[in-house]
Amino acid sequence: MQRIPESELIINERGAIYHLAIRPEELSSNIITVGDPERVAAVSSHFDKIETKQHHREFVTHTGYLGHKRISVVSTGIGTDNIDIVLNELDALVNIDFESRTVKDKLTVLNIIRIGTSGSLQRDIPIDSFVASTHGLGIDNLINFYRSENNEEEKQLLHSFITHTQLHQKFSQPYINSASASLMKHFVKDFYHGITVTCPGFYGPQGRILRLGLNNPNLINRLTEFQFGQHKISNFEMETAGIYGLGKLLGHHCMSLNAIVANRVTQQFTNDGAGLINRLIKKSLDIILEIP
């Protein structure tokens, strides 16, 4: 087995991986990711026991127990550039032997569930509701740096999306991946379902105009109007497609849960974002506790 050099897999003096600053034994196979570092404590406050807390830059990790289930909560920060760091390091922690610096013969599959905020792109998905993402459709380019393949439905959906939105090489080469079916089936009641588009920014890439003009001013309308069979774009944010894409390539089960804080069609914004995300956290933990 080929040894991974020190420059490629960076391990600190504590035996912890470089960015997340945790050791393999400090990570559970059940992982919740959140964007906001302060949201980690909001999740772990529901735990019955916390084993470890680590903090490096925007990456905060708490690992503990909710009932019988061991769970890690990890903050990613904003954007798929950070998702590239977090997903690769989570996988390295369970699937690379840090002593020999080689990939393990037996690989561990992680359950990775994102709990985050998002903007709705459909009039009938109101603020203060929840969306479980059936697909992550990225216009941020991350997965294009990796060798990946799509099934036939994904290929057709992606082709239809590119034709409809006119997103071409000047912007990015969109990519798409599905949620884990084994996790998706648990998030049905009280959740809207749809495609989540992942953008490389919050303002221009999501069609917001402050002082700068846009190259694709009709993007929001095109996203809202897009339909492929039964599939519609429900919402957009900045991490889901990266999680789904890297999760699929690395062999992990991924699910993205979204608290809808804004509706870009009705131009409404929630009056209680903190309460909304806390309700999603509690609901998600109740469901996670029951997943085998």
C-alpha atoms as a PDB file:
ATOM      1  CA  MET A   1       0.000   0.000   0.000  1.00  0.00           C
ATOM      2  CA  GLN A   2       1.383   3.393  -1.008  1.00  0.00           C
ATOM      3  CA  ARG A   3       2.427   5.657   1.858  1.00  0.00           C
ATOM      4  CA  ILE A   4       0.815   9.129   1.920  1.00  0.00           C
ATOM      5  CA  PRO A   5       3.510  11.833   2.332  1.00  0.00           C
ATOM      6  CA  GLU A   6       3.594  14.327   5.195  1.00  0.00           C
ATOM      7  CA  SER A   7       2.825  17.204   2.807  1.00  0.00           C
ATOM      8  CA  GLU A   8      -0.438  15.541   1.668  1.00  0.00           C
ATOM      9  CA  LEU A   9      -1.768  14.308   5.021  1.00  0.00           C
ATOM     10  CA  ILE A  10      -0.763  16.775   7.732  1.00  0.00           C
ATOM     11  CA  ILE A  11      -0.868  15.444  11.304  1.00  0.00           C
ATOM     12  CA  ASN A  12      -0.013  17.741  14.208  1.00  0.00           C
ATOM     13  CA  GLU A  13       2.057  17.021  17.298  1.00  0.00           C
ATOM     14  CA  ARG A  14      -1.066  15.815  19.154  1.00  0.00           C
ATOM     15  CA  GLY A  15      -1.670  13.175  16.504  1.00  0.00           C
ATOM     16  CA  ALA A  16      -4.641  15.141  15.174  1.00  0.00           C
ATOM     17  CA  ILE A  17      -5.469  15.951  11.561  1.00  0.00           C
ATOM     18  CA  TYR A  18      -4.417  19.445  10.489  1.00  0.00           C
ATOM     19  CA  HIS A  19      -7.576  21.557  10.093  1.00  0.00           C
ATOM     20  CA  LEU A  20     -10.147  19.762  12.240  1.00  0.00           C
ATOM     21  CA  ALA A  21      -7.525  19.203  14.976  1.00  0.00           C
ATOM     22  CA  ILE A  22      -9.088  15.934  16.152  1.00  0.00           C
ATOM     23  CA  ARG A  23      -7.689  12.425  16.471  1.00  0.00           C
ATOM     24  CA  PRO A  24      -9.361   9.339  14.983  1.00  0.00           C
ATOM     25  CA  GLU A  25     -10.725   8.156  18.336  1.00  0.00           C
ATOM     26  CA  GLU A  26     -12.390  11.549  18.886  1.00  0.00           C
ATOM     27  CA  LEU A  27     -14.750  11.120  15.918  1.00  0.00           C
ATOM     28  CA  SER A  28     -18.006   9.153  15.749  1.00  0.00           C
ATOM     29  CA  SER A  29     -19.276   7.459  12.606  1.00  0.00           C
ATOM     30  CA  ASN A  30     -22.491   9.503  13.016  1.00  0.00           C
ATOM     31  CA  ILE A  31     -21.694  13.109  12.143  1.00  0.00           C
ATOM     32  CA  ILE A  32     -23.731  16.302  12.045  1.00  0.00           C
ATOM     33  CA  THR A  33     -22.202  19.222  10.159  1.00  0.00           C
ATOM     34  CA  VAL A  34     -23.210  22.832  10.736  1.00  0.00           C
ATOM     35  CA  GLY A  35     -21.856  25.965   9.101  1.00  0.00           C
ATOM     36  CA  ASP A  36     -21.730  28.234  12.143  1.00  0.00           C
ATOM     37  CA  PRO A  37     -19.100  27.291  14.774  1.00  0.00           C
ATOM     38  CA  GLU A  38     -21.425  28.564  17.525  1.00  0.00           C
ATOM     39  CA  ARG A  39     -24.127  26.168  16.336  1.00  0.00           C
ATOM     40  CA  VAL A  40     -22.025  23.183  17.454  1.00  0.00           C
ATOM     41  CA  ALA A  41     -22.800  23.931  21.103  1.00  0.00           C
ATOM     42  CA  ALA A  42     -26.469  24.424  20.213  1.00  0.00           C
ATOM     43  CA  VAL A  43     -26.507  20.811  18.972  1.00  0.00           C
ATOM     44  CA  SER A  44     -24.335  19.259  21.684  1.00  0.00           C
ATOM     45  CA  SER A  45     -26.384  20.965  24.412  1.00  0.00           C
ATOM     46  CA  HIS A  46     -28.941  18.221  23.749  1.00  0.00           C
ATOM     47  CA  PHE A  47     -26.384  15.455  24.397  1.00  0.00           C
ATOM     48  CA  ASP A  48     -26.516  13.427  27.589  1.00  0.00           C
ATOM     49  CA  LYS A  49     -22.724  13.315  27.704  1.00  0.00           C
ATOM     50  CA  ILE A  50     -19.910  15.135  25.888  1.00  0.00           C
ATOM     51  CA  GLU A  51     -16.620  13.235  25.554  1.00  0.00           C
ATOM     52  CA  THR A  52     -14.426  15.738  23.763  1.00  0.00           C
ATOM     53  CA  LYS A  53     -14.378  19.326  22.511  1.00  0.00           C
ATOM     54  CA  GLN A  54     -11.834  20.628  20.003  1.00  0.00           C
ATOM     55  CA  HIS A  55     -11.535  23.989  18.248  1.00  0.00           C
ATOM     56  CA  HIS A  56      -9.191  25.136  15.463  1.00  0.00           C
ATOM     57  CA  ARG A  57      -9.994  28.174  13.311  1.00  0.00           C
ATOM     58  CA  GLU A  58     -13.642  27.873  12.213  1.00  0.00           C
ATOM     59  CA  PHE A  59     -13.652  24.119  12.820  1.00  0.00           C
ATOM     60  CA  VAL A  60     -15.281  23.186  16.126  1.00  0.00           C
ATOM     61  CA  THR A  61     -15.960  19.539  17.026  1.00  0.00           C
ATOM     62  CA  HIS A  62     -17.964  18.123  19.931  1.00  0.00           C
ATOM     63  CA  THR A  63     -18.330  14.351  20.291  1.00  0.00           C
ATOM     64  CA  GLY A  64     -20.670  12.777  22.804  1.00  0.00           C
ATOM     65  CA  TYR A  65     -23.738  10.662  23.399  1.00  0.00           C
ATOM     66  CA  LEU A  66     -27.435  11.244  22.855  1.00  0.00           C
ATOM     67  CA  GLY A  67     -29.005   8.285  24.592  1.00  0.00           C
ATOM     68  CA  HIS A  68     -27.172   5.228  23.279  1.00  0.00           C
ATOM     69  CA  LYS A  69     -25.967   6.924  20.089  1.00  0.00           C
ATOM     70  CA  ARG A  70     -22.493   8.420  19.776  1.00  0.00           C
ATOM     71  CA  ILE A  71     -22.539  11.566  17.624  1.00  0.00           C
ATOM     72  CA  SER A  72     -19.958  14.109  16.483  1.00  0.00           C
ATOM     73  CA  VAL A  73     -20.951  17.677  15.588  1.00  0.00           C
ATOM     74  CA  VAL A  74     -18.507  19.507  13.308  1.00  0.00           C
ATOM     75  CA  SER A  75     -18.651  23.097  12.074  1.00  0.00           C
ATOM     76  CA  THR A  76     -17.585  23.582   8.476  1.00  0.00           C
ATOM     77  CA  GLY A  77     -17.721  27.329   8.038  1.00  0.00           C
ATOM     78  CA  ILE A  78     -19.315  28.648   4.848  1.00  0.00           C
ATOM     79  CA  GLY A  79     -18.742  27.344   1.321  1.00  0.00           C
ATOM     80  CA  THR A  80     -17.632  24.260  -0.575  1.00  0.00           C
ATOM     81  CA  ASP A  81     -13.955  25.218  -0.241  1.00  0.00           C
ATOM     82  CA  ASN A  82     -14.362  24.402   3.456  1.00  0.00           C
ATOM     83  CA  ILE A  83     -16.427  21.308   2.637  1.00  0.00           C
ATOM     84  CA  ASP A  84     -13.456  20.027   0.627  1.00  0.00           C
ATOM     85  CA  ILE A  85     -11.348  20.262   3.790  1.00  0.00           C
ATOM     86  CA  VAL A  86     -13.929  18.815   6.170  1.00  0.00           C
ATOM     87  CA  LEU A  87     -15.113  15.844   4.085  1.00  0.00           C
ATOM     88  CA  ASN A  88     -11.592  14.766   3.144  1.00  0.00           C
ATOM     89  CA  GLU A  89     -10.371  15.047   6.733  1.00  0.00           C
ATOM     90  CA  LEU A  90     -13.396  13.225   8.176  1.00  0.00           C
ATOM     91  CA  ASP A  91     -12.729  10.381   5.754  1.00  0.00           C
ATOM     92  CA  ALA A  92      -9.009  10.366   6.523  1.00  0.00           C
ATOM     93  CA  LEU A  93      -9.723  10.073  10.256  1.00  0.00           C
ATOM     94  CA  VAL A  94     -11.561   6.770   9.790  1.00  0.00           C
ATOM     95  CA  ASN A  95     -10.032   5.299   6.636  1.00  0.00           C
ATOM     96  CA  ILE A  96      -6.320   6.131   6.816  1.00  0.00           C
ATOM     97  CA  ASP A  97      -3.928   4.578   9.337  1.00  0.00           C
ATOM     98  CA  PHE A  98      -2.103   7.563  10.827  1.00  0.00           C
ATOM     99  CA  GLU A  99       0.873   5.435  11.909  1.00  0.00           C
ATOM    100  CA  SER A 100       1.627   3.825   8.539  1.00  0.00           C
ATOM    101  CA  ARG A 101       0.062   6.650   6.488  1.00  0.00           C
ATOM    102  CA  THR A 102      -1.702   4.102   4.287  1.00  0.00           C
ATOM    103  CA  VAL A 103      -5.354   3.544   3.386  1.00  0.00           C
ATOM    104  CA  LYS A 104      -6.925   0.865   5.573  1.00  0.00           C
ATOM    105  CA  ASP A 105      -7.938  -2.461   4.032  1.00  0.00           C
ATOM    106  CA  LYS A 106     -11.392  -2.240   5.636  1.00  0.00           C
ATOM    107  CA  LEU A 107     -13.131   1.086   5.059  1.00  0.00           C
ATOM    108  CA  THR A 108     -15.597   2.751   7.440  1.00  0.00           C
ATOM    109  CA  VAL A 109     -18.794   4.304   6.105  1.00  0.00           C
ATOM    110  CA  LEU A 110     -19.889   7.526   7.820  1.00  0.00           C
ATOM    111  CA  ASN A 111     -23.386   8.951   8.186  1.00  0.00           C
ATOM    112  CA  ILE A 112     -23.025  12.705   7.555  1.00  0.00           C
ATOM    113  CA  ILE A 113     -26.053  14.949   8.069  1.00  0.00           C
ATOM    114  CA  ARG A 114     -25.886  18.674   7.397  1.00  0.00           C
ATOM    115  CA  ILE A 115     -28.175  20.958   9.414  1.00  0.00           C
ATOM    116  CA  GLY A 116     -28.159  24.440   7.930  1.00  0.00           C
ATOM    117  CA  THR A 117     -30.074  27.473   6.725  1.00  0.00           C
ATOM    118  CA  SER A 118     -31.217  28.123   3.184  1.00  0.00           C
ATOM    119  CA  GLY A 119     -33.350  30.248   0.865  1.00  0.00           C
ATOM    120  CA  SER A 120     -36.443  28.867  -0.832  1.00  0.00           C
ATOM    121  CA  LEU A 121     -36.830  29.181  -4.601  1.00  0.00           C
ATOM    122  CA  GLN A 122     -40.482  28.105  -4.714  1.00  0.00           C
ATOM    123  CA  ARG A 123     -43.471  30.180  -3.651  1.00  0.00           C
ATOM    124  CA  ASP A 124     -45.071  27.143  -2.011  1.00  0.00           C
ATOM    125  CA  ILE A 125     -42.044  26.387   0.198  1.00  0.00           C
ATOM    126  CA  PRO A 126     -42.544  29.081   2.826  1.00  0.00           C
ATOM    127  CA  ILE A 127     -40.159  30.630   5.301  1.00  0.00           C
ATOM    128  CA  ASP A 128     -39.922  28.752   8.628  1.00  0.00           C
ATOM    129  CA  SER A 129     -40.283  25.370   6.883  1.00  0.00           C
ATOM    130  CA  PHE A 130     -37.782  22.521   6.425  1.00  0.00           C
ATOM    131  CA  VAL A 131     -36.331  21.009   3.231  1.00  0.00           C
ATOM    132  CA  ALA A 132     -34.563  17.659   2.863  1.00  0.00           C
ATOM    133  CA  SER A 133     -32.400  17.814  -0.269  1.00  0.00           C
ATOM    134  CA  THR A 134     -32.987  14.993  -2.753  1.00  0.00           C
ATOM    135  CA  HIS A 135     -29.996  16.196  -4.814  1.00  0.00           C
ATOM    136  CA  GLY A 136     -27.150  18.649  -4.466  1.00  0.00           C
ATOM    137  CA  LEU A 137     -26.579  20.550  -7.705  1.00  0.00           C
ATOM    138  CA  GLY A 138     -23.346  22.523  -7.589  1.00  0.00           C
ATOM    139  CA  ILE A 139     -22.510  25.638  -9.595  1.00  0.00           C
ATOM    140  CA  ASP A 140     -19.330  26.120  -7.566  1.00  0.00           C
ATOM    141  CA  ASN A 141     -16.961  23.773  -9.483  1.00  0.00           C
ATOM    142  CA  LEU A 142     -15.587  21.759  -6.500  1.00  0.00           C
ATOM    143  CA  ILE A 143     -16.384  18.243  -7.714  1.00  0.00           C
ATOM    144  CA  ASN A 144     -14.986  19.023 -11.169  1.00  0.00           C
ATOM    145  CA  PHE A 145     -11.528  18.741  -9.590  1.00  0.00           C
ATOM    146  CA  TYR A 146     -12.195  15.036  -8.868  1.00  0.00           C
ATOM    147  CA  ARG A 147     -12.864  12.049 -11.101  1.00  0.00           C
ATOM    148  CA  SER A 148     -16.582  11.347 -10.826  1.00  0.00           C
ATOM    149  CA  GLU A 149     -19.439   9.768 -12.738  1.00  0.00           C
ATOM    150  CA  ASN A 150     -23.215  10.196 -12.777  1.00  0.00           C
ATOM    151  CA  ASN A 151     -26.020   7.726 -13.354  1.00  0.00           C
ATOM    152  CA  GLU A 152     -28.231   8.196 -16.413  1.00  0.00           C
ATOM    153  CA  GLU A 153     -30.963  10.166 -14.632  1.00  0.00           C
ATOM    154  CA  GLU A 154     -28.400  12.539 -13.127  1.00  0.00           C
ATOM    155  CA  LYS A 155     -26.795  13.066 -16.540  1.00  0.00           C
ATOM    156  CA  GLN A 156     -30.148  13.905 -18.133  1.00  0.00           C
ATOM    157  CA  LEU A 157     -31.153  16.188 -15.278  1.00  0.00           C
ATOM    158  CA  LEU A 158     -27.846  18.028 -15.456  1.00  0.00           C
ATOM    159  CA  HIS A 159     -28.056  18.468 -19.237  1.00  0.00           C
ATOM    160  CA  SER A 160     -31.575  19.860 -18.915  1.00  0.00           C
ATOM    161  CA  PHE A 161     -30.446  22.227 -16.138  1.00  0.00           C
ATOM    162  CA  ILE A 162     -27.512  23.614 -18.136  1.00  0.00           C
ATOM    163  CA  THR A 163     -29.704  24.151 -21.192  1.00  0.00           C
ATOM    164  CA  HIS A 164     -32.404  25.884 -19.154  1.00  0.00           C
ATOM    165  CA  THR A 165     -30.172  28.148 -17.045  1.00  0.00           C
ATOM    166  CA  GLN A 166     -27.559  28.885 -19.709  1.00  0.00           C
ATOM    167  CA  LEU A 167     -24.838  28.324 -17.105  1.00  0.00           C
ATOM    168  CA  HIS A 168     -21.852  27.620 -19.308  1.00  0.00           C
ATOM    169  CA  GLN A 169     -18.080  27.583 -18.967  1.00  0.00           C
ATOM    170  CA  LYS A 170     -17.903  31.328 -18.255  1.00  0.00           C
ATOM    171  CA  PHE A 171     -19.554  30.622 -14.889  1.00  0.00           C
ATOM    172  CA  SER A 172     -18.904  26.981 -14.010  1.00  0.00           C
ATOM    173  CA  GLN A 173     -19.571  23.446 -15.115  1.00  0.00           C
ATOM    174  CA  PRO A 174     -22.513  22.358 -12.945  1.00  0.00           C
ATOM    175  CA  TYR A 175     -22.460  18.943 -11.272  1.00  0.00           C
ATOM    176  CA  ILE A 176     -25.059  16.891  -9.420  1.00  0.00           C
ATOM    177  CA  ASN A 177     -25.287  14.044  -6.923  1.00  0.00           C
ATOM    178  CA  SER A 178     -28.135  12.414  -5.014  1.00  0.00           C
ATOM    179  CA  ALA A 179     -28.759  12.161  -1.290  1.00  0.00           C
ATOM    180  CA  SER A 180     -28.265   8.841   0.445  1.00  0.00           C
ATOM    181  CA  ALA A 181     -31.453   6.813  -0.008  1.00  0.00           C
ATOM    182  CA  SER A 182     -30.824   5.021   3.289  1.00  0.00           C
ATOM    183  CA  LEU A 183     -30.917   8.372   5.137  1.00  0.00           C
ATOM    184  CA  MET A 184     -33.486  10.168   2.963  1.00  0.00           C
ATOM    185  CA  LYS A 185     -36.255   7.747   3.891  1.00  0.00           C
ATOM    186  CA  HIS A 186     -36.112   8.911   7.514  1.00  0.00           C
ATOM    187  CA  PHE A 187     -36.692  12.585   6.642  1.00  0.00           C
ATOM    188  CA  VAL A 188     -40.127  12.591   5.031  1.00  0.00           C
ATOM    189  CA  LYS A 189     -42.758  13.817   7.493  1.00  0.00           C
ATOM    190  CA  ASP A 190     -42.731  17.624   7.890  1.00  0.00           C
ATOM    191  CA  PHE A 191     -40.024  18.051   5.233  1.00  0.00           C
ATOM    192  CA  TYR A 192     -40.346  19.442   1.721  1.00  0.00           C
ATOM    193  CA  HIS A 193     -38.184  17.628  -0.828  1.00  0.00           C
ATOM    194  CA  GLY A 194     -36.340  19.027  -3.824  1.00  0.00           C
ATOM    195  CA  ILE A 195     -33.048  19.796  -5.559  1.00  0.00           C
ATOM    196  CA  THR A 196     -30.742  22.089  -3.608  1.00  0.00           C
ATOM    197  CA  VAL A 197     -28.480  24.306  -5.700  1.00  0.00           C
ATOM    198  CA  THR A 198     -25.120  25.108  -4.110  1.00  0.00           C
ATOM    199  CA  CYS A 199     -23.625  28.487  -4.998  1.00  0.00           C
ATOM    200  CA  PRO A 200     -20.020  29.769  -4.679  1.00  0.00           C
ATOM    201  CA  GLY A 201     -21.131  32.952  -2.898  1.00  0.00           C
ATOM    202  CA  PHE A 202     -23.999  34.717  -1.127  1.00  0.00           C
ATOM    203  CA  TYR A 203     -24.498  37.882  -3.165  1.00  0.00           C
ATOM    204  CA  GLY A 204     -23.877  37.808  -6.933  1.00  0.00           C
ATOM    205  CA  PRO A 205     -23.926  33.985  -7.232  1.00  0.00           C
ATOM    206  CA  GLN A 206     -27.341  33.980  -5.522  1.00  0.00           C
ATOM    207  CA  GLY A 207     -28.675  36.837  -7.630  1.00  0.00           C
ATOM    208  CA  ARG A 208     -28.454  39.558  -4.984  1.00  0.00           C
ATOM    209  CA  ILE A 209     -27.805  43.080  -6.205  1.00  0.00           C
ATOM    210  CA  LEU A 210     -26.263  45.675  -3.910  1.00  0.00           C
ATOM    211  CA  ARG A 211     -23.863  47.912  -5.873  1.00  0.00           C
ATOM    212  CA  LEU A 212     -22.688  45.488  -8.558  1.00  0.00           C
ATOM    213  CA  GLY A 213     -24.465  44.390 -11.702  1.00  0.00           C
ATOM    214  CA  LEU A 214     -24.907  40.725 -12.592  1.00  0.00           C
ATOM    215  CA  ASN A 215     -23.811  38.753 -15.647  1.00  0.00           C
ATOM    216  CA  ASN A 216     -26.818  36.440 -15.329  1.00  0.00           C
ATOM    217  CA  PRO A 217     -29.624  38.619 -13.888  1.00  0.00           C
ATOM    218  CA  ASN A 218     -32.328  36.082 -14.762  1.00  0.00           C
ATOM    219  CA  LEU A 219     -30.682  33.211 -12.849  1.00  0.00           C
ATOM    220  CA  ILE A 220     -33.167  33.223  -9.936  1.00  0.00           C
ATOM    221  CA  ASN A 221     -36.148  33.015 -12.283  1.00  0.00           C
ATOM    222  CA  ARG A 222     -34.507  30.235 -14.274  1.00  0.00           C
ATOM    223  CA  LEU A 223     -33.792  28.241 -11.121  1.00  0.00           C
ATOM    224  CA  THR A 224     -37.359  28.721  -9.881  1.00  0.00           C
ATOM    225  CA  GLU A 225     -38.848  27.695 -13.226  1.00  0.00           C
ATOM    226  CA  PHE A 226     -36.623  24.647 -13.793  1.00  0.00           C
ATOM    227  CA  GLN A 227     -38.343  21.271 -13.836  1.00  0.00           C
ATOM    228  CA  PHE A 228     -37.165  17.819 -14.913  1.00  0.00           C
ATOM    229  CA  GLY A 229     -39.887  15.207 -14.588  1.00  0.00           C
ATOM    230  CA  GLN A 230     -40.975  15.370 -10.948  1.00  0.00           C
ATOM    231  CA  HIS A 231     -37.820  17.232  -9.900  1.00  0.00           C
ATOM    232  CA  LYS A 232     -37.796  20.947  -9.087  1.00  0.00           C
ATOM    233  CA  ILE A 233     -35.237  23.208  -7.449  1.00  0.00           C
ATOM    234  CA  SER A 234     -36.496  23.813  -3.938  1.00  0.00           C
ATOM    235  CA  ASN A 235     -33.769  26.008  -2.464  1.00  0.00           C
ATOM    236  CA  PHE A 236     -30.170  27.149  -2.633  1.00  0.00           C
ATOM    237  CA  GLU A 237     -27.289  27.566  -0.211  1.00  0.00           C
ATOM    238  CA  MET A 238     -23.492  27.054  -0.151  1.00  0.00           C
ATOM    239  CA  GLU A 239     -22.500  23.525   0.997  1.00  0.00           C
ATOM    240  CA  THR A 240     -24.887  20.701   0.055  1.00  0.00           C
ATOM    241  CA  ALA A 241     -23.577  19.750  -3.407  1.00  0.00           C
ATOM    242  CA  GLY A 242     -20.022  19.546  -2.096  1.00  0.00           C
ATOM    243  CA  ILE A 243     -21.113  17.250   0.732  1.00  0.00           C
ATOM    244  CA  TYR A 244     -23.130  15.012  -1.587  1.00  0.00           C
ATOM    245  CA  GLY A 245     -20.408  14.906  -4.231  1.00  0.00           C
ATOM    246  CA  LEU A 246     -17.467  14.131  -1.952  1.00  0.00           C
ATOM    247  CA  GLY A 247     -19.608  11.851   0.198  1.00  0.00           C
ATOM    248  CA  LYS A 248     -20.528   9.764  -2.835  1.00  0.00           C
ATOM    249  CA  LEU A 249     -16.931   9.578  -4.083  1.00  0.00           C
ATOM    250  CA  LEU A 250     -15.658   8.556  -0.639  1.00  0.00           C
ATOM    251  CA  GLY A 251     -18.463   6.039  -0.042  1.00  0.00           C
ATOM    252  CA  HIS A 252     -20.330   7.789   2.790  1.00  0.00           C
ATOM    253  CA  HIS A 253     -24.058   8.353   3.389  1.00  0.00           C
ATOM    254  CA  CYS A 254     -24.983  12.053   3.251  1.00  0.00           C
ATOM    255  CA  MET A 255     -28.135  14.042   3.936  1.00  0.00           C
ATOM    256  CA  SER A 256     -28.727  17.812   3.908  1.00  0.00           C
ATOM    257  CA  LEU A 257     -31.477  19.362   6.026  1.00  0.00           C
ATOM    258  CA  ASN A 258     -32.366  23.004   5.462  1.00  0.00           C
ATOM    259  CA  ALA A 259     -34.196  25.527   7.613  1.00  0.00           C
ATOM    260  CA  ILE A 260     -35.814  27.989   5.207  1.00  0.00           C
ATOM    261  CA  VAL A 261     -34.989  31.473   6.488  1.00  0.00           C
ATOM    262  CA  ALA A 262     -35.797  33.335   3.243  1.00  0.00           C
ATOM    263  CA  ASN A 263     -38.134  32.967   0.276  1.00  0.00           C
ATOM    264  CA  ARG A 264     -36.583  34.598  -2.782  1.00  0.00           C
ATOM    265  CA  VAL A 265     -39.860  34.499  -4.737  1.00  0.00           C
ATOM    266  CA  THR A 266     -42.008  36.274  -2.114  1.00  0.00           C
ATOM    267  CA  GLN A 267     -38.960  38.194  -0.819  1.00  0.00           C
ATOM    268  CA  GLN A 268     -39.729  37.307   2.796  1.00  0.00           C
ATOM    269  CA  PHE A 269     -37.249  36.651   5.609  1.00  0.00           C
ATOM    270  CA  THR A 270     -37.897  34.842   8.880  1.00  0.00           C
ATOM    271  CA  ASN A 271     -38.466  36.799  12.079  1.00  0.00           C
ATOM    272  CA  ASP A 272     -36.929  34.042  14.241  1.00  0.00           C
ATOM    273  CA  GLY A 273     -33.929  32.420  12.592  1.00  0.00           C
ATOM    274  CA  ALA A 274     -32.469  31.163  15.874  1.00  0.00           C
ATOM    275  CA  GLY A 275     -35.736  29.550  16.924  1.00  0.00           C
ATOM    276  CA  LEU A 276     -36.176  27.977  13.486  1.00  0.00           C
ATOM    277  CA  ILE A 277     -32.736  26.362  13.422  1.00  0.00           C
ATOM    278  CA  ASN A 278     -33.192  25.142  16.983  1.00  0.00           C
ATOM    279  CA  ARG A 279     -36.453  23.455  15.999  1.00  0.00           C
ATOM    280  CA  LEU A 280     -34.678  21.763  13.086  1.00  0.00           C
ATOM    281  CA  ILE A 281     -31.853  20.634  15.388  1.00  0.00           C
ATOM    282  CA  LYS A 282     -34.289  19.095  17.869  1.00  0.00           C
ATOM    283  CA  LYS A 283     -36.366  17.416  15.162  1.00  0.00           C
ATOM    284  CA  SER A 284     -33.255  16.059  13.421  1.00  0.00           C
ATOM    285  CA  LEU A 285     -31.772  14.659  16.636  1.00  0.00           C
ATOM    286  CA  ASP A 286     -35.040  12.875  17.431  1.00  0.00           C
ATOM    287  CA  ILE A 287     -34.904  11.224  14.000  1.00  0.00           C
ATOM    288  CA  ILE A 288     -31.160  10.451  14.140  1.00  0.00           C
ATOM    289  CA  LEU A 289     -31.648   8.718  17.473  1.00  0.00           C
ATOM    290  CA  GLU A 290     -33.996   6.247  15.780  1.00  0.00           C
ATOM    291  CA  ILE A 291     -31.817   5.498  12.738  1.00  0.00           C
ATOM    292  CA  PRO A 292     -30.267   2.009  13.121  1.00  0.00           C
END
